[in-house]
PDB file of N, CA and C in Angstrom:
ATOM      1  N   MET A   1     -20.075 -14.871  -8.371  1.00  0.00           N
ATOM      2  CA  MET A   1     -19.551 -13.626  -7.855  1.00  0.00           C
ATOM      3  C   MET A   1     -19.814 -13.573  -6.350  1.00  0.00           C
ATOM      4  N   ILE A   2     -18.809 -13.215  -5.601  1.00  0.00           N
ATOM      5  CA  ILE A   2     -18.920 -13.123  -4.146  1.00  0.00           C
ATOM      6  C   ILE A   2     -19.595 -11.803  -3.799  1.00  0.00           C
ATOM      7  N   ASP A   3     -20.603 -11.870  -2.925  1.00  0.00           N
ATOM      8  CA  ASP A   3     -21.354 -10.658  -2.604  1.00  0.00           C
ATOM      9  C   ASP A   3     -21.427 -10.345  -1.115  1.00  0.00           C
ATOM     10  N   ASN A   4     -20.520 -10.970  -0.316  1.00  0.00           N
ATOM     11  CA  ASN A   4     -20.503 -10.644   1.107  1.00  0.00           C
ATOM     12  C   ASN A   4     -19.108 -10.894   1.689  1.00  0.00           C
ATOM     13  N   ALA A   5     -18.842 -10.210   2.803  1.00  0.00           N
ATOM     14  CA  ALA A   5     -17.507 -10.233   3.412  1.00  0.00           C
ATOM     15  C   ALA A   5     -17.109 -11.620   3.909  1.00  0.00           C
ATOM     16  N   GLU A   6     -18.040 -12.370   4.458  1.00  0.00           N
ATOM     17  CA  GLU A   6     -17.714 -13.689   5.015  1.00  0.00           C
ATOM     18  C   GLU A   6     -17.245 -14.649   3.927  1.00  0.00           C
ATOM     19  N   ASP A   7     -17.944 -14.695   2.800  1.00  0.00           N
ATOM     20  CA  ASP A   7     -17.539 -15.572   1.699  1.00  0.00           C
ATOM     21  C   ASP A   7     -16.199 -15.131   1.108  1.00  0.00           C
ATOM     22  N   LEU A   8     -15.989 -13.821   1.015  1.00  0.00           N
ATOM     23  CA  LEU A   8     -14.715 -13.307   0.511  1.00  0.00           C
ATOM     24  C   LEU A   8     -13.579 -13.719   1.436  1.00  0.00           C
ATOM     25  N   LYS A   9     -13.785 -13.598   2.735  1.00  0.00           N
ATOM     26  CA  LYS A   9     -12.774 -14.005   3.716  1.00  0.00           C
ATOM     27  C   LYS A   9     -12.475 -15.494   3.596  1.00  0.00           C
ATOM     28  N   GLU A  10     -13.499 -16.314   3.494  1.00  0.00           N
ATOM     29  CA  GLU A  10     -13.292 -17.765   3.395  1.00  0.00           C
ATOM     30  C   GLU A  10     -12.466 -18.133   2.165  1.00  0.00           C
ATOM     31  N   LYS A  11     -12.771 -17.498   1.035  1.00  0.00           N
ATOM     32  CA  LYS A  11     -11.998 -17.790  -0.175  1.00  0.00           C
ATOM     33  C   LYS A  11     -10.564 -17.296  -0.027  1.00  0.00           C
ATOM     34  N   ALA A  12     -10.382 -16.102   0.537  1.00  0.00           N
ATOM     35  CA  ALA A  12      -9.037 -15.554   0.738  1.00  0.00           C
ATOM     36  C   ALA A  12      -8.216 -16.482   1.626  1.00  0.00           C
ATOM     37  N   LEU A  13      -8.808 -16.962   2.705  1.00  0.00           N
ATOM     38  CA  LEU A  13      -8.080 -17.858   3.610  1.00  0.00           C
ATOM     39  C   LEU A  13      -7.780 -19.198   2.945  1.00  0.00           C
ATOM     40  N   GLU A  14      -8.703 -19.682   2.134  1.00  0.00           N
ATOM     41  CA  GLU A  14      -8.507 -20.949   1.432  1.00  0.00           C
ATOM     42  C   GLU A  14      -7.327 -20.865   0.458  1.00  0.00           C
ATOM     43  N   PHE A  15      -7.181 -19.731  -0.212  1.00  0.00           N
ATOM     44  CA  PHE A  15      -6.137 -19.562  -1.224  1.00  0.00           C
ATOM     45  C   PHE A  15      -5.044 -18.611  -0.765  1.00  0.00           C
ATOM     46  N   LYS A  16      -4.838 -18.542   0.532  1.00  0.00           N
ATOM     47  CA  LYS A  16      -3.889 -17.624   1.163  1.00  0.00           C
ATOM     48  C   LYS A  16      -2.502 -17.676   0.537  1.00  0.00           C
ATOM     49  N   ASP A  17      -1.936 -18.855   0.390  1.00  0.00           N
ATOM     50  CA  ASP A  17      -0.566 -18.976  -0.119  1.00  0.00           C
ATOM     51  C   ASP A  17      -0.433 -18.433  -1.537  1.00  0.00           C
ATOM     52  N   GLY A  18      -1.373 -18.732  -2.399  1.00  0.00           N
ATOM     53  CA  GLY A  18      -1.323 -18.237  -3.771  1.00  0.00           C
ATOM     54  C   GLY A  18      -1.584 -16.746  -3.860  1.00  0.00           C
ATOM     55  N   LEU A  19      -2.519 -16.261  -3.069  1.00  0.00           N
ATOM     56  CA  LEU A  19      -2.837 -14.829  -3.084  1.00  0.00           C
ATOM     57  C   LEU A  19      -1.663 -13.986  -2.616  1.00  0.00           C
ATOM     58  N   LYS A  20      -0.858 -14.518  -1.702  1.00  0.00           N
ATOM     59  CA  LYS A  20       0.281 -13.757  -1.185  1.00  0.00           C
ATOM     60  C   LYS A  20       1.383 -13.572  -2.229  1.00  0.00           C
ATOM     61  N   LYS A  21       1.218 -14.169  -3.401  1.00  0.00           N
ATOM     62  CA  LYS A  21       2.170 -13.987  -4.495  1.00  0.00           C
ATOM     63  C   LYS A  21       1.639 -12.997  -5.531  1.00  0.00           C
ATOM     64  N   GLN A  22       0.462 -12.453  -5.286  1.00  0.00           N
ATOM     65  CA  GLN A  22      -0.187 -11.574  -6.250  1.00  0.00           C
ATOM     66  C   GLN A  22       0.144 -10.104  -5.991  1.00  0.00           C
ATOM     67  N   TYR A  23       0.037  -9.330  -7.043  1.00  0.00           N
ATOM     68  CA  TYR A  23       0.244  -7.882  -6.975  1.00  0.00           C
ATOM     69  C   TYR A  23      -1.045  -7.193  -7.412  1.00  0.00           C
ATOM     70  N   VAL A  24      -1.259  -6.007  -6.884  1.00  0.00           N
ATOM     71  CA  VAL A  24      -2.399  -5.192  -7.280  1.00  0.00           C
ATOM     72  C   VAL A  24      -1.861  -3.810  -7.655  1.00  0.00           C
ATOM     73  N   ASN A  25      -2.318  -3.282  -8.770  1.00  0.00           N
ATOM     74  CA  ASN A  25      -1.910  -1.953  -9.220  1.00  0.00           C
ATOM     75  C   ASN A  25      -2.962  -0.944  -8.784  1.00  0.00           C
ATOM     76  N   ILE A  26      -2.503   0.130  -8.146  1.00  0.00           N
ATOM     77  CA  ILE A  26      -3.394   1.153  -7.626  1.00  0.00           C
ATOM     78  C   ILE A  26      -2.956   2.507  -8.190  1.00  0.00           C
ATOM     79  N   PRO A  27      -3.875   3.217  -8.858  1.00  0.00           N
ATOM     80  CA  PRO A  27      -3.528   4.547  -9.348  1.00  0.00           C
ATOM     81  C   PRO A  27      -3.509   5.564  -8.207  1.00  0.00           C
ATOM     82  N   ILE A  28      -2.424   6.337  -8.148  1.00  0.00           N
ATOM     83  CA  ILE A  28      -2.288   7.418  -7.176  1.00  0.00           C
ATOM     84  C   ILE A  28      -1.739   8.604  -7.950  1.00  0.00           C
ATOM     85  N   GLY A  29      -2.478   9.701  -7.972  1.00  0.00           N
ATOM     86  CA  GLY A  29      -2.072  10.834  -8.799  1.00  0.00           C
ATOM     87  C   GLY A  29      -2.084  10.426 -10.254  1.00  0.00           C
ATOM     88  N   ASP A  30      -1.018  10.748 -10.967  1.00  0.00           N
ATOM     89  CA  ASP A  30      -0.922  10.423 -12.392  1.00  0.00           C
ATOM     90  C   ASP A  30      -0.234   9.085 -12.650  1.00  0.00           C
ATOM     91  N   GLU A  31       0.207   8.407 -11.607  1.00  0.00           N
ATOM     92  CA  GLU A  31       0.961   7.162 -11.755  1.00  0.00           C
ATOM     93  C   GLU A  31       0.158   5.969 -11.228  1.00  0.00           C
ATOM     94  N   GLU A  32       0.611   4.778 -11.597  1.00  0.00           N
ATOM     95  CA  GLU A  32       0.034   3.542 -11.082  1.00  0.00           C
ATOM     96  C   GLU A  32       1.140   2.792 -10.348  1.00  0.00           C
ATOM     97  N   TYR A  33       0.841   2.323  -9.136  1.00  0.00           N
ATOM     98  CA  TYR A  33       1.838   1.689  -8.279  1.00  0.00           C
ATOM     99  C   TYR A  33       1.442   0.246  -7.995  1.00  0.00           C
ATOM    100  N   GLY A  34       2.430  -0.637  -8.012  1.00  0.00           N
ATOM    101  CA  GLY A  34       2.197  -2.043  -7.719  1.00  0.00           C
ATOM    102  C   GLY A  34       2.425  -2.340  -6.249  1.00  0.00           C
ATOM    103  N   PHE A  35       1.416  -2.918  -5.615  1.00  0.00           N
ATOM    104  CA  PHE A  35       1.509  -3.339  -4.228  1.00  0.00           C
ATOM    105  C   PHE A  35       1.409  -4.854  -4.179  1.00  0.00           C
ATOM    106  N   ARG A  36       2.197  -5.470  -3.323  1.00  0.00           N
ATOM    107  CA  ARG A  36       2.159  -6.919  -3.139  1.00  0.00           C
ATOM    108  C   ARG A  36       1.164  -7.238  -2.036  1.00  0.00           C
ATOM    109  N   ILE A  37       0.374  -8.272  -2.230  1.00  0.00           N
ATOM    110  CA  ILE A  37      -0.478  -8.765  -1.153  1.00  0.00           C
ATOM    111  C   ILE A  37       0.442  -9.541  -0.216  1.00  0.00           C
ATOM    112  N   SER A  38       0.716  -8.975   0.947  1.00  0.00           N
ATOM    113  CA  SER A  38       1.700  -9.576   1.849  1.00  0.00           C
ATOM    114  C   SER A  38       1.066 -10.296   3.029  1.00  0.00           C
ATOM    115  N   GLY A  39      -0.226 -10.182   3.172  1.00  0.00           N
ATOM    116  CA  GLY A  39      -0.874 -10.871   4.285  1.00  0.00           C
ATOM    117  C   GLY A  39      -2.338 -11.097   4.018  1.00  0.00           C
ATOM    118  N   ILE A  40      -2.810 -12.264   4.436  1.00  0.00           N
ATOM    119  CA  ILE A  40      -4.229 -12.612   4.367  1.00  0.00           C
ATOM    120  C   ILE A  40      -4.606 -13.074   5.765  1.00  0.00           C
ATOM    121  N   GLY A  41      -5.491 -12.336   6.404  1.00  0.00           N
ATOM    122  CA  GLY A  41      -5.893 -12.688   7.757  1.00  0.00           C
ATOM    123  C   GLY A  41      -7.385 -12.865   7.862  1.00  0.00           C
ATOM    124  N   ALA A  42      -7.842 -13.122   9.071  1.00  0.00           N
ATOM    125  CA  ALA A  42      -9.262 -13.344   9.320  1.00  0.00           C
ATOM    126  C   ALA A  42     -10.073 -12.054   9.226  1.00  0.00           C
ATOM    127  N   LYS A  43      -9.397 -10.903   9.369  1.00  0.00           N
ATOM    128  CA  LYS A  43     -10.127  -9.633   9.346  1.00  0.00           C
ATOM    129  C   LYS A  43      -9.746  -8.715   8.190  1.00  0.00           C
ATOM    130  N   SER A  44      -8.581  -8.956   7.553  1.00  0.00           N
ATOM    131  CA  SER A  44      -8.135  -8.002   6.541  1.00  0.00           C
ATOM    132  C   SER A  44      -7.106  -8.590   5.591  1.00  0.00           C
ATOM    133  N   VAL A  45      -6.860  -7.827   4.526  1.00  0.00           N
ATOM    134  CA  VAL A  45      -5.824  -8.124   3.544  1.00  0.00           C
ATOM    135  C   VAL A  45      -4.770  -7.032   3.694  1.00  0.00           C
ATOM    136  N   LYS A  46      -3.501  -7.426   3.758  1.00  0.00           N
ATOM    137  CA  LYS A  46      -2.413  -6.466   3.932  1.00  0.00           C
ATOM    138  C   LYS A  46      -1.690  -6.273   2.607  1.00  0.00           C
ATOM    139  N   LEU A  47      -1.554  -5.001   2.198  1.00  0.00           N
ATOM    140  CA  LEU A  47      -0.801  -4.649   1.003  1.00  0.00           C
ATOM    141  C   LEU A  47       0.520  -4.045   1.422  1.00  0.00           C
ATOM    142  N   GLU A  48       1.559  -4.267   0.607  1.00  0.00           N
ATOM    143  CA  GLU A  48       2.889  -3.787   0.974  1.00  0.00           C
ATOM    144  C   GLU A  48       3.614  -3.269  -0.261  1.00  0.00           C
ATOM    145  N   LYS A  49       4.351  -2.190  -0.057  1.00  0.00           N
ATOM    146  CA  LYS A  49       5.200  -1.649  -1.118  1.00  0.00           C
ATOM    147  C   LYS A  49       6.384  -0.963  -0.457  1.00  0.00           C
ATOM    148  N   PHE A  50       7.564  -1.250  -0.938  1.00  0.00           N
ATOM    149  CA  PHE A  50       8.765  -0.573  -0.468  1.00  0.00           C
ATOM    150  C   PHE A  50       9.036   0.602  -1.391  1.00  0.00           C
ATOM    151  N   VAL A  51       9.265   1.768  -0.801  1.00  0.00           N
ATOM    152  CA  VAL A  51       9.600   2.961  -1.572  1.00  0.00           C
ATOM    153  C   VAL A  51      10.918   3.483  -1.014  1.00  0.00           C
ATOM    154  N   LYS A  52      11.952   3.459  -1.846  1.00  0.00           N
ATOM    155  CA  LYS A  52      13.270   3.909  -1.404  1.00  0.00           C
ATOM    156  C   LYS A  52      13.311   5.432  -1.345  1.00  0.00           C
ATOM    157  N   TYR A  53      14.108   5.947  -0.417  1.00  0.00           N
ATOM    158  CA  TYR A  53      14.241   7.393  -0.278  1.00  0.00           C
ATOM    159  C   TYR A  53      14.716   8.039  -1.576  1.00  0.00           C
ATOM    160  N   ASP A  54      15.658   7.393  -2.264  1.00  0.00           N
ATOM    161  CA  ASP A  54      16.134   7.929  -3.538  1.00  0.00           C
ATOM    162  C   ASP A  54      14.998   8.006  -4.558  1.00  0.00           C
ATOM    163  N   GLU A  55      14.122   7.002  -4.568  1.00  0.00           N
ATOM    164  CA  GLU A  55      12.993   6.998  -5.490  1.00  0.00           C
ATOM    165  C   GLU A  55      12.042   8.151  -5.208  1.00  0.00           C
ATOM    166  N   ILE A  56      11.908   8.514  -3.931  1.00  0.00           N
ATOM    167  CA  ILE A  56      11.043   9.637  -3.569  1.00  0.00           C
ATOM    168  C   ILE A  56      11.531  10.903  -4.254  1.00  0.00           C
ATOM    169  N   PHE A  57      12.829  11.182  -4.138  1.00  0.00           N
ATOM    170  CA  PHE A  57      13.360  12.412  -4.716  1.00  0.00           C
ATOM    171  C   PHE A  57      13.477  12.350  -6.229  1.00  0.00           C
ATOM    172  N   GLU A  58      13.737  11.177  -6.782  1.00  0.00           N
ATOM    173  CA  GLU A  58      13.773  11.041  -8.242  1.00  0.00           C
ATOM    174  C   GLU A  58      12.405  11.349  -8.834  1.00  0.00           C
ATOM    175  N   ALA A  59      11.351  10.842  -8.215  1.00  0.00           N
ATOM    176  CA  ALA A  59       9.998  11.084  -8.717  1.00  0.00           C
ATOM    177  C   ALA A  59       9.623  12.555  -8.597  1.00  0.00           C
ATOM    178  N   ILE A  60       9.939  13.153  -7.467  1.00  0.00           N
ATOM    179  CA  ILE A  60       9.610  14.567  -7.255  1.00  0.00           C
ATOM    180  C   ILE A  60      10.408  15.451  -8.211  1.00  0.00           C
ATOM    181  N   ASP A  61      11.699  15.140  -8.382  1.00  0.00           N
ATOM    182  CA  ASP A  61      12.537  15.902  -9.316  1.00  0.00           C
ATOM    183  C   ASP A  61      12.042  15.775 -10.755  1.00  0.00           C
ATOM    184  N   ALA A  62      11.390  14.651 -11.063  1.00  0.00           N
ATOM    185  CA  ALA A  62      10.852  14.432 -12.407  1.00  0.00           C
ATOM    186  C   ALA A  62       9.489  15.110 -12.587  1.00  0.00           C
ATOM    187  N   GLY A  63       9.016  15.796 -11.544  1.00  0.00           N
ATOM    188  CA  GLY A  63       7.763  16.531 -11.656  1.00  0.00           C
ATOM    189  C   GLY A  63       6.540  15.803 -11.147  1.00  0.00           C
ATOM    190  N   ASN A  64       6.724  14.636 -10.560  1.00  0.00           N
ATOM    191  CA  ASN A  64       5.585  13.876 -10.039  1.00  0.00           C
ATOM    192  C   ASN A  64       5.270  14.347  -8.621  1.00  0.00           C
ATOM    193  N   ASP A  65       4.467  15.397  -8.526  1.00  0.00           N
ATOM    194  CA  ASP A  65       4.164  15.957  -7.209  1.00  0.00           C
ATOM    195  C   ASP A  65       2.794  15.532  -6.687  1.00  0.00           C
ATOM    196  N   THR A  66       2.142  14.582  -7.370  1.00  0.00           N
ATOM    197  CA  THR A  66       0.858  14.074  -6.882  1.00  0.00           C
ATOM    198  C   THR A  66       0.903  12.568  -6.639  1.00  0.00           C
ATOM    199  N   GLY A  67       2.077  11.972  -6.763  1.00  0.00           N
ATOM    200  CA  GLY A  67       2.201  10.529  -6.640  1.00  0.00           C
ATOM    201  C   GLY A  67       2.457  10.068  -5.217  1.00  0.00           C
ATOM    202  N   LEU A  68       2.616   8.781  -5.086  1.00  0.00           N
ATOM    203  CA  LEU A  68       2.866   8.147  -3.798  1.00  0.00           C
ATOM    204  C   LEU A  68       4.120   8.695  -3.130  1.00  0.00           C
ATOM    205  N   GLU A  69       5.160   8.895  -3.923  1.00  0.00           N
ATOM    206  CA  GLU A  69       6.416   9.393  -3.362  1.00  0.00           C
ATOM    207  C   GLU A  69       6.231  10.757  -2.695  1.00  0.00           C
ATOM    208  N   SER A  70       5.493  11.622  -3.356  1.00  0.00           N
ATOM    209  CA  SER A  70       5.230  12.949  -2.804  1.00  0.00           C
ATOM    210  C   SER A  70       4.390  12.857  -1.523  1.00  0.00           C
ATOM    211  N   LEU A  71       3.417  11.960  -1.520  1.00  0.00           N
ATOM    212  CA  LEU A  71       2.588  11.770  -0.321  1.00  0.00           C
ATOM    213  C   LEU A  71       3.423  11.281   0.858  1.00  0.00           C
ATOM    214  N   ILE A  72       4.314  10.330   0.600  1.00  0.00           N
ATOM    215  CA  ILE A  72       5.165   9.800   1.665  1.00  0.00           C
ATOM    216  C   ILE A  72       6.088  10.892   2.199  1.00  0.00           C
ATOM    217  N   LYS A  73       6.684  11.662   1.299  1.00  0.00           N
ATOM    218  CA  LYS A  73       7.571  12.746   1.714  1.00  0.00           C
ATOM    219  C   LYS A  73       6.804  13.733   2.595  1.00  0.00           C
ATOM    220  N   GLN A  74       5.592  14.075   2.213  1.00  0.00           N
ATOM    221  CA  GLN A  74       4.797  15.039   2.967  1.00  0.00           C
ATOM    222  C   GLN A  74       4.436  14.492   4.351  1.00  0.00           C
ATOM    223  N   ILE A  75       4.093  13.218   4.430  1.00  0.00           N
ATOM    224  CA  ILE A  75       3.768  12.598   5.725  1.00  0.00           C
ATOM    225  C   ILE A  75       4.973  12.665   6.655  1.00  0.00           C
ATOM    226  N   ILE A  76       6.155  12.344   6.132  1.00  0.00           N
ATOM    227  CA  ILE A  76       7.376  12.366   6.949  1.00  0.00           C
ATOM    228  C   ILE A  76       7.698  13.793   7.384  1.00  0.00           C
ATOM    229  N   GLU A  77       7.610  14.727   6.457  1.00  0.00           N
ATOM    230  CA  GLU A  77       7.917  16.125   6.779  1.00  0.00           C
ATOM    231  C   GLU A  77       6.965  16.701   7.829  1.00  0.00           C
ATOM    232  N   ASP A  78       5.695  16.349   7.744  1.00  0.00           N
ATOM    233  CA  ASP A  78       4.684  16.919   8.628  1.00  0.00           C
ATOM    234  C   ASP A  78       4.565  16.212   9.979  1.00  0.00           C
ATOM    235  N   TYR A  79       5.189  15.054  10.109  1.00  0.00           N
ATOM    236  CA  TYR A  79       5.012  14.261  11.322  1.00  0.00           C
ATOM    237  C   TYR A  79       5.629  14.932  12.540  1.00  0.00           C
ATOM    238  N   GLU A  80       4.854  14.972  13.605  1.00  0.00           N
ATOM    239  CA  GLU A  80       5.339  15.424  14.906  1.00  0.00           C
ATOM    240  C   GLU A  80       4.855  14.415  15.936  1.00  0.00           C
ATOM    241  N   GLU A  81       5.753  13.966  16.767  1.00  0.00           N
ATOM    242  CA  GLU A  81       5.415  12.948  17.749  1.00  0.00           C
ATOM    243  C   GLU A  81       4.521  13.545  18.842  1.00  0.00           C
ATOM    244  N   ASP A  82       3.461  12.826  19.163  1.00  0.00           N
ATOM    245  CA  ASP A  82       2.588  13.231  20.264  1.00  0.00           C
ATOM    246  C   ASP A  82       3.298  12.976  21.575  1.00  0.00           C
ATOM    247  N   GLU A  83       3.016  13.774  22.563  1.00  0.00           N
ATOM    248  CA  GLU A  83       3.632  13.589  23.878  1.00  0.00           C
ATOM    249  C   GLU A  83       3.305  12.224  24.463  1.00  0.00           C
ATOM    250  N   GLU A  84       2.121  11.699  24.167  1.00  0.00           N
ATOM    251  CA  GLU A  84       1.691  10.384  24.667  1.00  0.00           C
ATOM    252  C   GLU A  84       2.535   9.269  24.101  1.00  0.00           C
ATOM    253  N   GLU A  85       3.067   9.434  22.883  1.00  0.00           N
ATOM    254  CA  GLU A  85       3.818   8.377  22.208  1.00  0.00           C
ATOM    255  C   GLU A  85       5.257   8.283  22.678  1.00  0.00           C
ATOM    256  N   GLU A  86       5.756   9.294  23.343  1.00  0.00           N
ATOM    257  CA  GLU A  86       7.171   9.319  23.742  1.00  0.00           C
ATOM    258  C   GLU A  86       7.460   8.376  24.869  1.00  0.00           C
TER     259      GLU A  86
END
């Protein structure tokens, strides 16, 4: 069993190509979502999931107001650009 970040990083980098084909399921609200491991780097692991706009509204219309789709919709709705970013 790996018990430190350095050994975990070394194994991840060693098996980078195979790991990038793996999926991880993460529970959010009442649902479980599959994320693809899309990157293995020296400092981090990158997870990726595409969520279509139609899927956002289908999930919300179906009553899923605590899931990933609802969170994404709320982030987009609440976003306001900072003056520094313009």
